[in-house]
Amino acid sequence: MTASDIGYIVLTVAVTQALCDLTANKLVFSTDSYKDAVSTLERMRSKRDKVLAQPAAAPQTSSTPSKSNAKSMEKYKKRLKVAEEEFITASNNVSRMFIMPRICTSAVFFLLYRILNTEYHGKIVALLPFEPWGLIRRFSMRGIQFSEGFDVDSTIGRIQSINQACNFLFVYILCNMSVKFMVNLILGIKKPRGTEKGLLDVVDDPRGKKILEGLGVDAEEIREFRKHL
């Protein structure tokens, strides 16, 4: 175990994430199709906001309700419904463009894990400053092979317990939770406002509803499930 091993794993994770982000920025988020999708989303948001601002100007008198007022409200509800559907459709179109980069990044990191795991399999990569409790120890010591007559002091330094030995998997998980996240935060493209729910909005998209109905899925059940998330 050397500091260079930890540095190599950290650097490899950081460089890999940076390459994935830069590639996605070049091949997806710099294209005209993505820019057009974001522009359409902003237009649909502006259109929806304008419709939402209209009720205050709608002529209504509670004492003398008329057919014209009822028709005006009915027209307003239809415009609002159309504006909401167009906004949700635009939001889903933008969200779909984030799927492939994320799938590719996940595949790359899976391959990276297999390669590094082969290189560091059974080796002690780091030492924890404490003796982990049972559940963490299952990950931190998984696959470590101690040869017969293994001497803790002469091999990995003076530590309180052999259970402080740490394998590659634990270091790799920590790198994914910290280094990978920070690199993506710096170089990655953030999803535009209004696309936070991602493809969960498919149940509100008219086209999505038709697809779900064709698959025998009840969109209302998915909508109720989404409310509890």
C-alpha atoms as a PDB file:
ATOM      1  CA  MET A   1       0.000   0.000   0.000  1.00  0.00           C
ATOM      2  CA  THR A   2       1.375   3.369  -1.034  1.00  0.00           C
ATOM      3  CA  ALA A   3       0.027   6.878  -1.340  1.00  0.00           C
ATOM      4  CA  SER A   4       0.625   6.607  -5.073  1.00  0.00           C
ATOM      5  CA  ASP A   5      -2.026   3.866  -5.304  1.00  0.00           C
ATOM      6  CA  ILE A   6      -4.666   6.108  -3.749  1.00  0.00           C
ATOM      7  CA  GLY A   7      -3.535   9.060  -5.865  1.00  0.00           C
ATOM      8  CA  TYR A   8      -3.703   6.932  -9.002  1.00  0.00           C
ATOM      9  CA  ILE A   9      -7.288   5.831  -8.257  1.00  0.00           C
ATOM     10  CA  VAL A  10      -8.384   9.395  -7.430  1.00  0.00           C
ATOM     11  CA  LEU A  11      -6.716  10.809 -10.545  1.00  0.00           C
ATOM     12  CA  THR A  12      -8.165   8.074 -12.762  1.00  0.00           C
ATOM     13  CA  VAL A  13     -11.707   8.714 -11.510  1.00  0.00           C
ATOM     14  CA  ALA A  14     -11.319  12.487 -11.913  1.00  0.00           C
ATOM     15  CA  VAL A  15      -9.871  12.274 -15.442  1.00  0.00           C
ATOM     16  CA  THR A  16     -12.485   9.747 -16.543  1.00  0.00           C
ATOM     17  CA  GLN A  17     -15.360  11.904 -15.283  1.00  0.00           C
ATOM     18  CA  ALA A  18     -13.825  14.992 -16.894  1.00  0.00           C
ATOM     19  CA  LEU A  19     -13.529  13.206 -20.250  1.00  0.00           C
ATOM     20  CA  CYS A  20     -17.126  11.994 -20.009  1.00  0.00           C
ATOM     21  CA  ASP A  21     -18.389  15.498 -19.213  1.00  0.00           C
ATOM     22  CA  LEU A  22     -16.349  17.175 -21.948  1.00  0.00           C
ATOM     23  CA  THR A  23     -17.441  14.569 -24.494  1.00  0.00           C
ATOM     24  CA  ALA A  24     -21.104  15.026 -23.538  1.00  0.00           C
ATOM     25  CA  ASN A  25     -20.718  18.800 -23.754  1.00  0.00           C
ATOM     26  CA  LYS A  26     -19.246  18.486 -27.230  1.00  0.00           C
ATOM     27  CA  LEU A  27     -21.502  15.816 -28.724  1.00  0.00           C
ATOM     28  CA  VAL A  28     -24.817  16.619 -27.017  1.00  0.00           C
ATOM     29  CA  PHE A  29     -25.022  19.899 -25.162  1.00  0.00           C
ATOM     30  CA  SER A  30     -23.282  22.000 -27.815  1.00  0.00           C
ATOM     31  CA  THR A  31     -25.523  20.821 -30.633  1.00  0.00           C
ATOM     32  CA  ASP A  32     -28.249  22.888 -32.258  1.00  0.00           C
ATOM     33  CA  SER A  33     -30.869  20.283 -31.312  1.00  0.00           C
ATOM     34  CA  TYR A  34     -30.149  20.708 -27.595  1.00  0.00           C
ATOM     35  CA  LYS A  35     -30.066  24.493 -27.862  1.00  0.00           C
ATOM     36  CA  ASP A  36     -33.368  24.446 -29.769  1.00  0.00           C
ATOM     37  CA  ALA A  37     -34.929  22.173 -27.138  1.00  0.00           C
ATOM     38  CA  VAL A  38     -33.856  24.518 -24.326  1.00  0.00           C
ATOM     39  CA  SER A  39     -35.073  27.533 -26.297  1.00  0.00           C
ATOM     40  CA  THR A  40     -38.449  25.851 -26.822  1.00  0.00           C
ATOM     41  CA  LEU A  41     -38.633  25.065 -23.110  1.00  0.00           C
ATOM     42  CA  GLU A  42     -38.053  28.707 -22.226  1.00  0.00           C
ATOM     43  CA  ARG A  43     -40.725  29.824 -24.700  1.00  0.00           C
ATOM     44  CA  MET A  44     -43.236  27.349 -23.314  1.00  0.00           C
ATOM     45  CA  ARG A  45     -42.434  28.471 -19.766  1.00  0.00           C
ATOM     46  CA  SER A  46     -42.972  32.098 -20.743  1.00  0.00           C
ATOM     47  CA  LYS A  47     -46.233  31.212 -22.482  1.00  0.00           C
ATOM     48  CA  ARG A  48     -47.472  29.284 -19.455  1.00  0.00           C
ATOM     49  CA  ASP A  49     -46.543  32.095 -17.071  1.00  0.00           C
ATOM     50  CA  LYS A  50     -48.448  34.593 -19.208  1.00  0.00           C
ATOM     51  CA  VAL A  51     -51.543  32.398 -19.112  1.00  0.00           C
ATOM     52  CA  LEU A  52     -51.233  31.998 -15.341  1.00  0.00           C
ATOM     53  CA  ALA A  53     -51.139  35.788 -14.992  1.00  0.00           C
ATOM     54  CA  GLN A  54     -54.417  36.263 -16.880  1.00  0.00           C
ATOM     55  CA  PRO A  55     -57.086  35.331 -14.291  1.00  0.00           C
ATOM     56  CA  ALA A  56     -56.584  38.611 -12.392  1.00  0.00           C
ATOM     57  CA  ALA A  57     -57.621  40.493 -15.509  1.00  0.00           C
ATOM     58  CA  ALA A  58     -60.561  38.212 -16.298  1.00  0.00           C
ATOM     59  CA  PRO A  59     -63.852  40.062 -15.793  1.00  0.00           C
ATOM     60  CA  GLN A  60     -65.852  38.283 -13.091  1.00  0.00           C
ATOM     61  CA  THR A  61     -68.604  39.507 -10.785  1.00  0.00           C
ATOM     62  CA  SER A  62     -69.774  37.112  -8.113  1.00  0.00           C
ATOM     63  CA  SER A  63     -73.088  38.958  -7.696  1.00  0.00           C
ATOM     64  CA  THR A  64     -74.075  38.841 -11.358  1.00  0.00           C
ATOM     65  CA  PRO A  65     -72.508  35.814 -13.019  1.00  0.00           C
ATOM     66  CA  SER A  66     -73.083  35.766 -16.762  1.00  0.00           C
ATOM     67  CA  LYS A  67     -72.623  33.343 -19.609  1.00  0.00           C
ATOM     68  CA  SER A  68     -69.807  35.479 -20.973  1.00  0.00           C
ATOM     69  CA  ASN A  69     -67.886  35.129 -17.701  1.00  0.00           C
ATOM     70  CA  ALA A  70     -68.409  31.369 -17.728  1.00  0.00           C
ATOM     71  CA  LYS A  71     -67.216  31.128 -21.308  1.00  0.00           C
ATOM     72  CA  SER A  72     -64.197  33.291 -20.552  1.00  0.00           C
ATOM     73  CA  MET A  73     -63.236  31.046 -17.634  1.00  0.00           C
ATOM     74  CA  GLU A  74     -63.738  27.945 -19.771  1.00  0.00           C
ATOM     75  CA  LYS A  75     -61.497  29.381 -22.485  1.00  0.00           C
ATOM     76  CA  TYR A  76     -58.908  30.282 -19.860  1.00  0.00           C
ATOM     77  CA  LYS A  77     -58.867  26.746 -18.475  1.00  0.00           C
ATOM     78  CA  LYS A  78     -58.392  25.335 -21.970  1.00  0.00           C
ATOM     79  CA  ARG A  79     -55.523  27.744 -22.694  1.00  0.00           C
ATOM     80  CA  LEU A  80     -53.912  26.881 -19.374  1.00  0.00           C
ATOM     81  CA  LYS A  81     -54.224  23.153 -20.036  1.00  0.00           C
ATOM     82  CA  VAL A  82     -52.677  23.520 -23.478  1.00  0.00           C
ATOM     83  CA  ALA A  83     -49.868  25.718 -22.096  1.00  0.00           C
ATOM     84  CA  GLU A  84     -49.127  23.194 -19.318  1.00  0.00           C
ATOM     85  CA  GLU A  85     -49.063  20.281 -21.770  1.00  0.00           C
ATOM     86  CA  GLU A  86     -46.741  22.134 -24.140  1.00  0.00           C
ATOM     87  CA  PHE A  87     -44.426  23.027 -21.259  1.00  0.00           C
ATOM     88  CA  ILE A  88     -44.329  19.434 -19.994  1.00  0.00           C
ATOM     89  CA  THR A  89     -43.646  18.135 -23.508  1.00  0.00           C
ATOM     90  CA  ALA A  90     -40.780  20.619 -23.926  1.00  0.00           C
ATOM     91  CA  SER A  91     -39.433  19.643 -20.492  1.00  0.00           C
ATOM     92  CA  ASN A  92     -39.473  15.942 -21.406  1.00  0.00           C
ATOM     93  CA  ASN A  93     -37.689  16.659 -24.694  1.00  0.00           C
ATOM     94  CA  VAL A  94     -34.835  18.332 -22.799  1.00  0.00           C
ATOM     95  CA  SER A  95     -34.728  15.590 -20.141  1.00  0.00           C
ATOM     96  CA  ARG A  96     -34.388  12.881 -22.801  1.00  0.00           C
ATOM     97  CA  MET A  97     -31.168  14.470 -24.027  1.00  0.00           C
ATOM     98  CA  PHE A  98     -29.546  13.856 -20.628  1.00  0.00           C
ATOM     99  CA  ILE A  99     -30.293  10.131 -20.664  1.00  0.00           C
ATOM    100  CA  MET A 100     -27.693   8.894 -23.148  1.00  0.00           C
ATOM    101  CA  PRO A 101     -24.736  10.807 -21.617  1.00  0.00           C
ATOM    102  CA  ARG A 102     -25.612   9.391 -18.210  1.00  0.00           C
ATOM    103  CA  ILE A 103     -25.940   5.858 -19.554  1.00  0.00           C
ATOM    104  CA  CYS A 104     -22.589   6.153 -21.331  1.00  0.00           C
ATOM    105  CA  THR A 105     -20.925   7.582 -18.221  1.00  0.00           C
ATOM    106  CA  SER A 106     -22.292   4.727 -16.107  1.00  0.00           C
ATOM    107  CA  ALA A 107     -21.015   2.177 -18.628  1.00  0.00           C
ATOM    108  CA  VAL A 108     -17.566   3.787 -18.703  1.00  0.00           C
ATOM    109  CA  PHE A 109     -17.294   3.770 -14.909  1.00  0.00           C
ATOM    110  CA  PHE A 110     -18.440   0.166 -14.789  1.00  0.00           C
ATOM    111  CA  LEU A 111     -15.627  -0.778 -17.151  1.00  0.00           C
ATOM    112  CA  LEU A 112     -13.221   1.349 -15.132  1.00  0.00           C
ATOM    113  CA  TYR A 113     -14.253  -0.483 -11.974  1.00  0.00           C
ATOM    114  CA  ARG A 114     -13.663  -3.866 -13.602  1.00  0.00           C
ATOM    115  CA  ILE A 115     -10.203  -2.824 -14.825  1.00  0.00           C
ATOM    116  CA  LEU A 116      -9.055  -1.298 -11.540  1.00  0.00           C
ATOM    117  CA  ASN A 117     -10.581  -4.108  -9.518  1.00  0.00           C
ATOM    118  CA  THR A 118      -8.561  -6.620 -11.528  1.00  0.00           C
ATOM    119  CA  GLU A 119      -5.400  -4.626 -10.879  1.00  0.00           C
ATOM    120  CA  TYR A 120      -5.970  -4.175  -7.129  1.00  0.00           C
ATOM    121  CA  HIS A 121      -7.854  -7.382  -6.357  1.00  0.00           C
ATOM    122  CA  GLY A 122      -6.862  -8.791  -2.973  1.00  0.00           C
ATOM    123  CA  LYS A 123      -4.511  -5.900  -2.219  1.00  0.00           C
ATOM    124  CA  ILE A 124      -4.562  -3.474   0.696  1.00  0.00           C
ATOM    125  CA  VAL A 125      -4.977  -0.062  -0.879  1.00  0.00           C
ATOM    126  CA  ALA A 126      -5.402   2.158   2.179  1.00  0.00           C
ATOM    127  CA  LEU A 127      -5.692   2.189   5.961  1.00  0.00           C
ATOM    128  CA  LEU A 128      -8.699   3.612   7.735  1.00  0.00           C
ATOM    129  CA  PRO A 129      -7.992   5.847  10.757  1.00  0.00           C
ATOM    130  CA  PHE A 130     -10.497   3.788  12.754  1.00  0.00           C
ATOM    131  CA  GLU A 131     -11.771   0.251  13.016  1.00  0.00           C
ATOM    132  CA  PRO A 132     -15.049   0.195  11.069  1.00  0.00           C
ATOM    133  CA  TRP A 133     -18.148  -1.489  12.389  1.00  0.00           C
ATOM    134  CA  GLY A 134     -19.529  -4.641  10.816  1.00  0.00           C
ATOM    135  CA  LEU A 135     -21.493  -3.347   7.831  1.00  0.00           C
ATOM    136  CA  ILE A 136     -18.751  -0.989   6.615  1.00  0.00           C
ATOM    137  CA  ARG A 137     -16.132  -3.671   7.216  1.00  0.00           C
ATOM    138  CA  ARG A 138     -17.909  -5.950   4.758  1.00  0.00           C
ATOM    139  CA  PHE A 139     -17.117  -3.448   2.021  1.00  0.00           C
ATOM    140  CA  SER A 140     -13.763  -2.165   3.234  1.00  0.00           C
ATOM    141  CA  MET A 141     -12.184  -5.625   3.664  1.00  0.00           C
ATOM    142  CA  ARG A 142     -13.990  -7.493   0.912  1.00  0.00           C
ATOM    143  CA  GLY A 143     -11.606  -9.598  -1.163  1.00  0.00           C
ATOM    144  CA  ILE A 144      -8.450  -8.720   0.801  1.00  0.00           C
ATOM    145  CA  GLN A 145      -6.172 -11.724   0.937  1.00  0.00           C
ATOM    146  CA  PHE A 146      -3.787 -12.128   3.866  1.00  0.00           C
ATOM    147  CA  SER A 147      -1.016 -14.608   3.280  1.00  0.00           C
ATOM    148  CA  GLU A 148      -0.017 -17.091   5.980  1.00  0.00           C
ATOM    149  CA  GLY A 149       2.284 -15.499   8.550  1.00  0.00           C
ATOM    150  CA  PHE A 150       1.120 -12.004   7.591  1.00  0.00           C
ATOM    151  CA  ASP A 151       2.809  -9.364   9.779  1.00  0.00           C
ATOM    152  CA  VAL A 152       0.695  -6.233  10.250  1.00  0.00           C
ATOM    153  CA  ASP A 153       3.510  -3.996  11.530  1.00  0.00           C
ATOM    154  CA  SER A 154       6.020  -4.804   8.846  1.00  0.00           C
ATOM    155  CA  THR A 155       3.551  -4.819   5.955  1.00  0.00           C
ATOM    156  CA  ILE A 156       1.146  -1.955   6.442  1.00  0.00           C
ATOM    157  CA  GLY A 157       2.570  -0.055   9.349  1.00  0.00           C
ATOM    158  CA  ARG A 158       1.608   0.216  12.987  1.00  0.00           C
ATOM    159  CA  ILE A 159      -2.154   0.086  13.361  1.00  0.00           C
ATOM    160  CA  GLN A 160      -4.454  -0.926  16.180  1.00  0.00           C
ATOM    161  CA  SER A 161      -6.312  -3.627  14.252  1.00  0.00           C
ATOM    162  CA  ILE A 162      -6.016  -5.559  11.026  1.00  0.00           C
ATOM    163  CA  ASN A 163      -9.636  -4.584  10.402  1.00  0.00           C
ATOM    164  CA  GLN A 164      -8.450  -1.097   9.488  1.00  0.00           C
ATOM    165  CA  ALA A 165      -7.137  -2.460   6.187  1.00  0.00           C
ATOM    166  CA  CYS A 166      -9.088  -1.076   3.238  1.00  0.00           C
ATOM    167  CA  ASN A 167      -9.593  -2.561  -0.206  1.00  0.00           C
ATOM    168  CA  PHE A 168      -9.956  -0.931  -3.628  1.00  0.00           C
ATOM    169  CA  LEU A 169     -13.777  -1.081  -3.661  1.00  0.00           C
ATOM    170  CA  PHE A 170     -14.139   1.134  -0.597  1.00  0.00           C
ATOM    171  CA  VAL A 171     -11.728   3.740  -1.981  1.00  0.00           C
ATOM    172  CA  TYR A 172     -13.486   3.622  -5.359  1.00  0.00           C
ATOM    173  CA  ILE A 173     -16.891   4.226  -3.735  1.00  0.00           C
ATOM    174  CA  LEU A 174     -15.528   7.204  -1.794  1.00  0.00           C
ATOM    175  CA  CYS A 175     -14.040   8.633  -4.996  1.00  0.00           C
ATOM    176  CA  ASN A 176     -17.379   8.304  -6.776  1.00  0.00           C
ATOM    177  CA  MET A 177     -19.135  10.098  -3.921  1.00  0.00           C
ATOM    178  CA  SER A 178     -16.637  12.958  -3.756  1.00  0.00           C
ATOM    179  CA  VAL A 179     -14.172  13.361  -6.646  1.00  0.00           C
ATOM    180  CA  LYS A 180     -16.575  12.266  -9.381  1.00  0.00           C
ATOM    181  CA  PHE A 181     -19.329  14.485  -7.980  1.00  0.00           C
ATOM    182  CA  MET A 182     -17.084  17.569  -7.761  1.00  0.00           C
ATOM    183  CA  VAL A 183     -15.709  17.152 -11.279  1.00  0.00           C
ATOM    184  CA  ASN A 184     -19.228  16.795 -12.664  1.00  0.00           C
ATOM    185  CA  LEU A 185     -20.317  19.838 -10.679  1.00  0.00           C
ATOM    186  CA  ILE A 186     -17.555  21.890 -12.317  1.00  0.00           C
ATOM    187  CA  LEU A 187     -17.579  20.560 -15.895  1.00  0.00           C
ATOM    188  CA  GLY A 188     -21.037  19.033 -16.265  1.00  0.00           C
ATOM    189  CA  ILE A 189     -24.107  20.738 -17.721  1.00  0.00           C
ATOM    190  CA  LYS A 190     -26.885  21.312 -15.222  1.00  0.00           C
ATOM    191  CA  LYS A 191     -30.442  20.502 -16.224  1.00  0.00           C
ATOM    192  CA  PRO A 192     -32.496  23.619 -17.041  1.00  0.00           C
ATOM    193  CA  ARG A 193     -35.081  24.825 -14.575  1.00  0.00           C
ATOM    194  CA  GLY A 194     -38.327  22.971 -15.064  1.00  0.00           C
ATOM    195  CA  THR A 195     -36.795  19.585 -15.907  1.00  0.00           C
ATOM    196  CA  GLU A 196     -36.034  18.482 -12.348  1.00  0.00           C
ATOM    197  CA  LYS A 197     -38.626  15.691 -12.410  1.00  0.00           C
ATOM    198  CA  GLY A 198     -37.166  14.337 -15.611  1.00  0.00           C
ATOM    199  CA  LEU A 199     -39.124  11.617 -17.357  1.00  0.00           C
ATOM    200  CA  LEU A 200     -41.540  11.296 -14.439  1.00  0.00           C
ATOM    201  CA  ASP A 201     -43.469  14.045 -16.240  1.00  0.00           C
ATOM    202  CA  VAL A 202     -44.224  11.547 -19.010  1.00  0.00           C
ATOM    203  CA  VAL A 203     -47.536  10.817 -17.260  1.00  0.00           C
ATOM    204  CA  ASP A 204     -48.559  14.433 -17.875  1.00  0.00           C
ATOM    205  CA  ASP A 205     -47.373  14.476 -21.468  1.00  0.00           C
ATOM    206  CA  PRO A 206     -50.232  13.712 -23.911  1.00  0.00           C
ATOM    207  CA  ARG A 207     -47.904  11.617 -26.064  1.00  0.00           C
ATOM    208  CA  GLY A 208     -46.613   9.851 -22.975  1.00  0.00           C
ATOM    209  CA  LYS A 209     -50.147   9.040 -21.834  1.00  0.00           C
ATOM    210  CA  LYS A 210     -50.925   7.394 -25.174  1.00  0.00           C
ATOM    211  CA  ILE A 211     -47.740   5.306 -24.979  1.00  0.00           C
ATOM    212  CA  LEU A 212     -48.521   4.223 -21.405  1.00  0.00           C
ATOM    213  CA  GLU A 213     -52.102   3.360 -22.341  1.00  0.00           C
ATOM    214  CA  GLY A 214     -50.812   1.278 -25.234  1.00  0.00           C
ATOM    215  CA  LEU A 215     -48.618  -0.629 -22.767  1.00  0.00           C
ATOM    216  CA  GLY A 216     -51.561  -1.153 -20.432  1.00  0.00           C
ATOM    217  CA  VAL A 217     -50.187   1.204 -17.751  1.00  0.00           C
ATOM    218  CA  ASP A 218     -52.512   3.513 -15.843  1.00  0.00           C
ATOM    219  CA  ALA A 219     -51.062   7.035 -15.924  1.00  0.00           C
ATOM    220  CA  GLU A 220     -53.194   8.047 -12.923  1.00  0.00           C
ATOM    221  CA  GLU A 221     -51.553   5.379 -10.739  1.00  0.00           C
ATOM    222  CA  ILE A 222     -48.101   6.648 -11.700  1.00  0.00           C
ATOM    223  CA  ARG A 223     -49.183  10.216 -10.966  1.00  0.00           C
ATOM    224  CA  GLU A 224     -50.377   9.222  -7.487  1.00  0.00           C
ATOM    225  CA  PHE A 225     -47.127   7.356  -6.863  1.00  0.00           C
ATOM    226  CA  ARG A 226     -45.121  10.416  -7.949  1.00  0.00           C
ATOM    227  CA  LYS A 227     -46.904  12.578  -5.386  1.00  0.00           C
ATOM    228  CA  HIS A 228     -45.472  10.423  -2.585  1.00  0.00           C
ATOM    229  CA  LEU A 229     -41.873  10.686  -3.808  1.00  0.00           C
END
